[in-house]
Amino acid sequence: MLDLQQLETFRVVAVTSNFTRAAAQLGYHQSTVTFHIKSLERELGVRLFERHRFSRTIAMTDVGRRTFEYAERLLALAAEAKAKAASFARGRSQEG
């Protein structure tokens, strides 16, 4: 099962192209970001990023770029569902 927190971490790493900046933006330790990305890669069975150890840079793989589009869609749907549920709950509480 895909984890929305891991997808959000993936999205931020993809946008920043940097694990350290992604960690700072998300308020995580870098090790947490690394764990999320490795867990997501394991779940999907693919490499999402090419890691270049000596230059300490990363680049999305072709599969990573395709997955990024799905991640954005899934995260948008999750945010929409959360907003709709909250809106429904507010409406119900006003009825009673």
Protein backbone atom coordinates (compact mmCIF):
# COMPACT_ATOMS: atom_id res chain seq x y z
CA MET A 1 0.00 0.00 0.00
CA LEU A 2 1.39 3.38 -0.96
CA ASP A 3 2.07 5.72 1.94
CA LEU A 4 1.02 9.35 1.44
CA GLN A 5 3.81 10.61 3.70
CA GLN A 6 6.38 8.80 1.56
CA LEU A 7 4.77 10.19 -1.61
CA GLU A 8 4.96 13.72 -0.18
CA THR A 9 8.61 13.15 0.71
CA PHE A 10 9.23 11.90 -2.83
CA ARG A 11 7.48 14.96 -4.27
CA VAL A 12 9.60 17.38 -2.24
CA VAL A 13 12.85 15.55 -3.02
CA ALA A 14 11.93 15.61 -6.71
CA VAL A 15 11.21 19.35 -6.63
CA THR A 16 14.31 20.30 -4.62
CA SER A 17 16.63 17.67 -6.17
CA ASN A 18 18.26 17.45 -2.76
CA PHE A 19 17.65 15.22 0.24
CA THR A 20 18.98 17.79 2.72
CA ARG A 21 16.81 20.63 1.42
CA ALA A 22 13.80 18.31 1.29
CA ALA A 23 14.39 17.31 4.91
CA ALA A 24 14.58 20.96 5.98
CA GLN A 25 11.42 21.84 4.07
CA LEU A 26 9.51 18.89 5.54
CA GLY A 27 10.90 19.33 9.06
CA TYR A 28 12.47 15.86 9.02
CA HIS A 29 15.96 14.53 9.63
CA GLN A 30 17.75 13.60 6.43
CA SER A 31 17.76 9.96 7.54
CA THR A 32 13.94 10.03 7.59
CA VAL A 33 13.86 11.34 4.02
CA THR A 34 16.28 8.63 2.93
CA PHE A 35 14.18 5.99 4.70
CA HIS A 36 10.97 7.24 3.03
CA ILE A 37 12.53 7.19 -0.44
CA LYS A 38 14.10 3.76 0.01
CA SER A 39 10.83 2.38 1.39
CA LEU A 40 8.87 3.80 -1.54
CA GLU A 41 11.40 2.42 -4.02
CA ARG A 42 11.14 -0.99 -2.34
CA GLU A 43 7.32 -0.85 -2.42
CA LEU A 44 7.29 0.06 -6.13
CA GLY A 45 10.22 -2.18 -7.06
CA VAL A 46 12.00 0.61 -8.96
CA ARG A 47 14.72 3.22 -8.50
CA LEU A 48 13.19 6.70 -8.41
CA PHE A 49 16.50 8.59 -8.27
CA GLU A 50 20.01 8.14 -9.57
CA ARG A 51 22.37 8.97 -6.75
CA HIS A 52 25.84 10.28 -7.54
CA ARG A 53 27.89 9.76 -4.40
CA PHE A 54 30.98 11.76 -5.28
CA SER A 55 29.18 14.86 -6.52
CA ARG A 56 26.40 14.36 -3.94
CA THR A 57 23.74 15.06 -6.53
CA ILE A 58 20.59 13.21 -7.48
CA ALA A 59 18.48 13.04 -10.61
CA MET A 60 15.11 11.44 -11.17
CA THR A 61 15.08 8.31 -13.29
CA ASP A 62 12.62 7.99 -16.18
CA VAL A 63 10.42 5.88 -13.92
CA GLY A 64 10.80 8.52 -11.21
CA ARG A 65 9.54 11.23 -13.57
CA ARG A 66 6.49 9.14 -14.48
CA THR A 67 5.87 8.27 -10.84
CA PHE A 68 6.10 11.96 -9.90
CA GLU A 69 3.01 12.70 -12.00
CA TYR A 70 1.04 9.99 -10.20
CA ALA A 71 2.33 11.12 -6.81
CA GLU A 72 1.10 14.66 -7.45
CA ARG A 73 -2.32 13.38 -8.51
CA LEU A 74 -2.63 11.06 -5.51
CA LEU A 75 -1.58 13.79 -3.08
CA ALA A 76 -4.05 16.24 -4.63
CA LEU A 77 -6.85 13.68 -4.35
CA ALA A 78 -5.95 12.97 -0.73
CA ALA A 79 -6.00 16.70 0.09
CA GLU A 80 -9.35 17.07 -1.67
CA ALA A 81 -10.82 14.11 0.23
CA LYS A 82 -9.58 15.52 3.53
CA ALA A 83 -11.07 18.95 2.76
CA LYS A 84 -14.41 17.45 1.70
CA ALA A 85 -14.59 15.29 4.83
CA ALA A 86 -13.82 18.30 7.04
CA SER A 87 -16.43 20.35 5.21
CA PHE A 88 -19.00 17.59 5.62
CA ALA A 89 -18.16 17.25 9.31
CA ARG A 90 -18.59 21.01 9.85
CA GLY A 91 -21.94 20.91 8.07
CA ARG A 92 -23.13 17.97 10.15
CA SER A 93 -22.07 19.58 13.42
CA GLN A 94 -24.05 22.74 12.53
CA GLU A 95 -27.20 20.65 11.99
CA GLY A 96 -27.18 19.19 15.49
